[in-house]
C-alpha atoms as a PDB file:
ATOM      1  CA  MET A   1      10.149 -76.640  24.245  1.00  0.00           C
ATOM      2  CA  GLU A   2      10.218 -72.893  23.669  1.00  0.00           C
ATOM      3  CA  ILE A   3       7.328 -71.374  21.710  1.00  0.00           C
ATOM      4  CA  LYS A   4       7.702 -67.913  20.163  1.00  0.00           C
ATOM      5  CA  THR A   5       4.683 -66.385  18.416  1.00  0.00           C
ATOM      6  CA  VAL A   6       5.742 -64.482  15.291  1.00  0.00           C
ATOM      7  CA  ALA A   7       2.334 -63.508  13.830  1.00  0.00           C
ATOM      8  CA  THR A   8      -1.331 -63.621  14.783  1.00  0.00           C
ATOM      9  CA  ASN A   9      -4.473 -63.198  12.744  1.00  0.00           C
ATOM     10  CA  ARG A  10      -6.249 -60.798  15.085  1.00  0.00           C
ATOM     11  CA  LYS A  11      -9.321 -60.375  12.895  1.00  0.00           C
ATOM     12  CA  ALA A  12      -9.947 -64.123  12.721  1.00  0.00           C
ATOM     13  CA  ARG A  13     -11.667 -64.410  16.084  1.00  0.00           C
ATOM     14  CA  PHE A  14     -13.702 -61.281  15.357  1.00  0.00           C
ATOM     15  CA  GLU A  15     -14.867 -62.409  11.895  1.00  0.00           C
ATOM     16  CA  TYR A  16     -15.385 -66.127  12.642  1.00  0.00           C
ATOM     17  CA  PHE A  17     -16.520 -68.596  15.286  1.00  0.00           C
ATOM     18  CA  ILE A  18     -13.552 -70.954  15.778  1.00  0.00           C
ATOM     19  CA  GLU A  19     -14.860 -74.474  16.328  1.00  0.00           C
ATOM     20  CA  GLU A  20     -11.725 -76.623  16.276  1.00  0.00           C
ATOM     21  CA  THR A  21      -7.992 -75.941  16.064  1.00  0.00           C
ATOM     22  CA  PHE A  22      -5.074 -77.913  14.647  1.00  0.00           C
ATOM     23  CA  GLU A  23      -1.296 -77.516  14.693  1.00  0.00           C
ATOM     24  CA  ALA A  24       0.338 -77.776  11.275  1.00  0.00           C
ATOM     25  CA  GLY A  25       3.946 -77.601  10.210  1.00  0.00           C
ATOM     26  CA  LEU A  26       4.935 -75.192   7.433  1.00  0.00           C
ATOM     27  CA  VAL A  27       7.122 -76.226   4.497  1.00  0.00           C
ATOM     28  CA  LEU A  28       9.390 -73.224   3.905  1.00  0.00           C
ATOM     29  CA  ARG A  29      12.391 -72.455   1.731  1.00  0.00           C
ATOM     30  CA  GLY A  30      15.696 -71.152   3.105  1.00  0.00           C
ATOM     31  CA  THR A  31      15.055 -67.424   2.916  1.00  0.00           C
ATOM     32  CA  GLU A  32      11.444 -67.823   4.060  1.00  0.00           C
ATOM     33  CA  ILE A  33      12.329 -69.282   7.443  1.00  0.00           C
ATOM     34  CA  LYS A  34      14.764 -66.415   8.038  1.00  0.00           C
ATOM     35  CA  SER A  35      11.995 -63.888   7.341  1.00  0.00           C
ATOM     36  CA  VAL A  36       9.588 -65.798   9.605  1.00  0.00           C
ATOM     37  CA  ARG A  37      12.130 -65.770  12.433  1.00  0.00           C
ATOM     38  CA  LYS A  38      12.292 -61.974  12.082  1.00  0.00           C
ATOM     39  CA  GLY A  39       8.484 -61.807  12.295  1.00  0.00           C
ATOM     40  CA  GLN A  40       7.953 -60.689   8.705  1.00  0.00           C
ATOM     41  CA  ILE A  41       4.857 -62.772   8.029  1.00  0.00           C
ATOM     42  CA  SER A  42       1.269 -61.607   7.552  1.00  0.00           C
ATOM     43  CA  LEU A  43      -1.779 -63.873   7.909  1.00  0.00           C
ATOM     44  CA  GLN A  44      -4.442 -61.196   7.343  1.00  0.00           C
ATOM     45  CA  GLU A  45      -5.821 -62.393   3.983  1.00  0.00           C
ATOM     46  CA  ALA A  46      -4.705 -66.014   4.310  1.00  0.00           C
ATOM     47  CA  TYR A  47      -6.779 -69.184   4.295  1.00  0.00           C
ATOM     48  CA  VAL A  48      -6.142 -72.920   4.022  1.00  0.00           C
ATOM     49  CA  ARG A  49      -7.145 -74.931   0.962  1.00  0.00           C
ATOM     50  CA  THR A  50      -7.337 -78.723   0.969  1.00  0.00           C
ATOM     51  CA  ASP A  51      -8.221 -81.370  -1.590  1.00  0.00           C
ATOM     52  CA  GLY A  52      -8.487 -84.309   0.808  1.00  0.00           C
ATOM     53  CA  GLN A  53      -4.878 -85.379   0.136  1.00  0.00           C
ATOM     54  CA  GLN A  54      -2.835 -82.277   0.992  1.00  0.00           C
ATOM     55  CA  ALA A  55      -3.357 -78.911   2.654  1.00  0.00           C
ATOM     56  CA  TRP A  56      -1.984 -75.585   1.402  1.00  0.00           C
ATOM     57  CA  LEU A  57      -1.650 -72.147   2.993  1.00  0.00           C
ATOM     58  CA  VAL A  58      -2.890 -69.594   0.464  1.00  0.00           C
ATOM     59  CA  GLY A  59      -2.566 -65.821   0.633  1.00  0.00           C
ATOM     60  CA  ALA A  60      -0.030 -65.544   3.447  1.00  0.00           C
ATOM     61  CA  HIS A  61       2.664 -62.954   2.812  1.00  0.00           C
ATOM     62  CA  ILE A  62       6.234 -63.678   3.891  1.00  0.00           C
ATOM     63  CA  ALA A  63       8.436 -60.685   3.123  1.00  0.00           C
ATOM     64  CA  PRO A  64      11.596 -61.282   1.095  1.00  0.00           C
ATOM     65  CA  TYR A  65      14.742 -61.651   3.170  1.00  0.00           C
ATOM     66  CA  GLU A  66      16.826 -58.515   2.608  1.00  0.00           C
ATOM     67  CA  HIS A  67      20.245 -60.148   3.109  1.00  0.00           C
ATOM     68  CA  ALA A  68      19.670 -62.910   0.544  1.00  0.00           C
ATOM     69  CA  SER A  69      21.493 -63.142  -2.759  1.00  0.00           C
ATOM     70  CA  ALA A  70      19.762 -63.458  -6.125  1.00  0.00           C
ATOM     71  CA  SER A  71      17.709 -66.502  -5.127  1.00  0.00           C
ATOM     72  CA  GLN A  72      14.677 -64.987  -3.398  1.00  0.00           C
ATOM     73  CA  HIS A  73      11.358 -66.659  -2.672  1.00  0.00           C
ATOM     74  CA  SER A  74       8.025 -65.459  -4.000  1.00  0.00           C
ATOM     75  CA  PRO A  75       6.341 -63.615  -1.089  1.00  0.00           C
ATOM     76  CA  ASP A  76       2.782 -64.793  -1.838  1.00  0.00           C
ATOM     77  CA  ARG A  77       3.298 -68.366  -3.022  1.00  0.00           C
ATOM     78  CA  GLU A  78       1.201 -71.263  -1.721  1.00  0.00           C
ATOM     79  CA  ARG A  79       2.928 -73.198   1.042  1.00  0.00           C
ATOM     80  CA  LYS A  80       2.332 -76.819   1.918  1.00  0.00           C
ATOM     81  CA  LEU A  81       1.106 -77.650   5.417  1.00  0.00           C
ATOM     82  CA  LEU A  82       2.250 -80.750   7.258  1.00  0.00           C
ATOM     83  CA  LEU A  83      -0.666 -82.603   8.825  1.00  0.00           C
ATOM     84  CA  ASN A  84      -1.339 -86.297   9.168  1.00  0.00           C
ATOM     85  CA  LYS A  85      -3.833 -88.017   6.839  1.00  0.00           C
ATOM     86  CA  ARG A  86      -6.587 -88.229   9.429  1.00  0.00           C
ATOM     87  CA  GLU A  87      -6.389 -84.507  10.174  1.00  0.00           C
ATOM     88  CA  ILE A  88      -6.474 -83.614   6.471  1.00  0.00           C
ATOM     89  CA  LYS A  89      -9.469 -85.893   5.969  1.00  0.00           C
ATOM     90  CA  ASP A  90     -11.266 -84.302   8.947  1.00  0.00           C
ATOM     91  CA  LEU A  91     -10.590 -80.816   7.575  1.00  0.00           C
ATOM     92  CA  TRP A  92     -11.751 -81.858   4.101  1.00  0.00           C
ATOM     93  CA  ASP A  93     -15.004 -83.274   5.504  1.00  0.00           C
ATOM     94  CA  GLU A  94     -15.681 -80.146   7.581  1.00  0.00           C
ATOM     95  CA  VAL A  95     -15.185 -77.779   4.648  1.00  0.00           C
ATOM     96  CA  ARG A  96     -16.878 -79.899   1.986  1.00  0.00           C
ATOM     97  CA  ILE A  97     -19.946 -81.036   3.904  1.00  0.00           C
ATOM     98  CA  LYS A  98     -20.735 -78.285   6.372  1.00  0.00           C
ATOM     99  CA  GLY A  99     -19.695 -75.206   4.365  1.00  0.00           C
ATOM    100  CA  LYS A 100     -17.044 -73.977   6.770  1.00  0.00           C
ATOM    101  CA  THR A 101     -13.633 -72.526   6.098  1.00  0.00           C
ATOM    102  CA  ILE A 102     -10.140 -73.115   7.448  1.00  0.00           C
ATOM    103  CA  ILE A 103      -8.195 -70.055   8.545  1.00  0.00           C
ATOM    104  CA  PRO A 104      -4.751 -69.561  10.084  1.00  0.00           C
ATOM    105  CA  LEU A 105      -4.900 -68.176  13.620  1.00  0.00           C
ATOM    106  CA  ARG A 106      -1.227 -67.693  14.458  1.00  0.00           C
ATOM    107  CA  ALA A 107       2.258 -68.564  13.242  1.00  0.00           C
ATOM    108  CA  TYR A 108       4.903 -69.504  15.776  1.00  0.00           C
ATOM    109  CA  LEU A 109       8.275 -71.122  16.191  1.00  0.00           C
ATOM    110  CA  LYS A 110       8.386 -74.288  18.266  1.00  0.00           C
ATOM    111  CA  GLY A 111      12.033 -75.037  18.795  1.00  0.00           C
ATOM    112  CA  ASN A 112      13.531 -74.648  15.322  1.00  0.00           C
ATOM    113  CA  ARG A 113      10.309 -75.509  13.477  1.00  0.00           C
ATOM    114  CA  ALA A 114       7.798 -73.098  11.974  1.00  0.00           C
ATOM    115  CA  LYS A 115       4.255 -74.049  12.989  1.00  0.00           C
ATOM    116  CA  LEU A 116       0.830 -72.710  12.133  1.00  0.00           C
ATOM    117  CA  GLU A 117      -2.266 -72.899  14.306  1.00  0.00           C
ATOM    118  CA  ILE A 118      -5.261 -73.305  12.010  1.00  0.00           C
ATOM    119  CA  GLY A 119      -8.911 -73.333  12.903  1.00  0.00           C
ATOM    120  CA  VAL A 120     -12.112 -74.651  11.379  1.00  0.00           C
ATOM    121  CA  ALA A 121     -14.306 -71.580  11.344  1.00  0.00           C
ATOM    122  CA  LYS A 122     -17.843 -70.504  10.598  1.00  0.00           C
ATOM    123  CA  GLY A 123     -18.475 -66.893   9.600  1.00  0.00           C
ATOM    124  CA  LYS A 124     -20.165 -64.482  11.993  1.00  0.00           C
ATOM    125  CA  LYS A 125     -23.126 -62.330  11.059  1.00  0.00           C
ATOM    126  CA  ASN A 126     -23.128 -58.580  11.740  1.00  0.00           C
ATOM    127  CA  TYR A 127     -25.171 -58.954  14.921  1.00  0.00           C
ATOM    128  CA  ASP A 128     -22.645 -61.508  16.216  1.00  0.00           C
ATOM    129  CA  LYS A 129     -19.835 -59.017  15.577  1.00  0.00           C
ATOM    130  CA  ARG A 130     -21.715 -56.295  17.467  1.00  0.00           C
ATOM    131  CA  GLU A 131     -22.074 -58.708  20.383  1.00  0.00           C
ATOM    132  CA  SER A 132     -18.292 -59.318  20.324  1.00  0.00           C
ATOM    133  CA  ILE A 133     -17.624 -55.570  20.395  1.00  0.00           C
ATOM    134  CA  LYS A 134     -20.055 -55.173  23.290  1.00  0.00           C
ATOM    135  CA  GLU A 135     -18.319 -57.931  25.311  1.00  0.00           C
ATOM    136  CA  LYS A 136     -14.914 -56.385  24.628  1.00  0.00           C
ATOM    137  CA  ASP A 137     -16.130 -52.947  25.789  1.00  0.00           C
ATOM    138  CA  ILE A 138     -17.591 -54.418  29.001  1.00  0.00           C
ATOM    139  CA  ALA A 139     -14.326 -56.239  29.745  1.00  0.00           C
ATOM    140  CA  ARG A 140     -12.368 -53.018  29.165  1.00  0.00           C
ATOM    141  CA  GLU A 141     -14.648 -51.055  31.496  1.00  0.00           C
ATOM    142  CA  ASN A 142     -14.324 -53.731  34.197  1.00  0.00           C
ATOM    143  CA  SER A 143     -10.538 -53.687  34.005  1.00  0.00           C
ATOM    144  CA  ARG A 144     -10.512 -49.874  34.225  1.00  0.00           C
ATOM    145  CA  SER A 145     -12.765 -49.890  37.282  1.00  0.00           C
ATOM    146  CA  ARG A 146     -10.517 -52.456  38.993  1.00  0.00           C
ATOM    147  CA  ARG A 147      -7.471 -50.257  38.405  1.00  0.00           C
ATOM    148  CA  GLY A 148      -9.272 -47.253  39.855  1.00  0.00           C
ATOM    149  CA  GLU A 149      -9.244 -44.961  36.815  1.00  0.00           C
END
């Protein structure tokens, strides 16, 4: 099955330690899926909220579809995530008991379906972020030296 990534949350892995990931389906309206297929989705300020029964994507921005008629979707509305009951319960327990958060990592199309990769995350401290920057710089220097620059 063909997978096409339409959006990634690049800051997520810099700001958080990702401990576990899940694949969730997105419930979208007609004009929303057209905008997602064009890549007009932003996950920068988004997070996932759950109450133990359902999970919702909050803060994701899906741009309005420019070729639609009068019936447009709200760009910043909450969208329901499709997960099974066990996964929702696991997410609820992680967030409620251990003080973690659930963040979207990337949005992609799997066949004709819009999917969201979400991760249970724990926030990094400033010294952890400096360590990430240091590792990234070392990797960049190594790749440059291998290319002979």
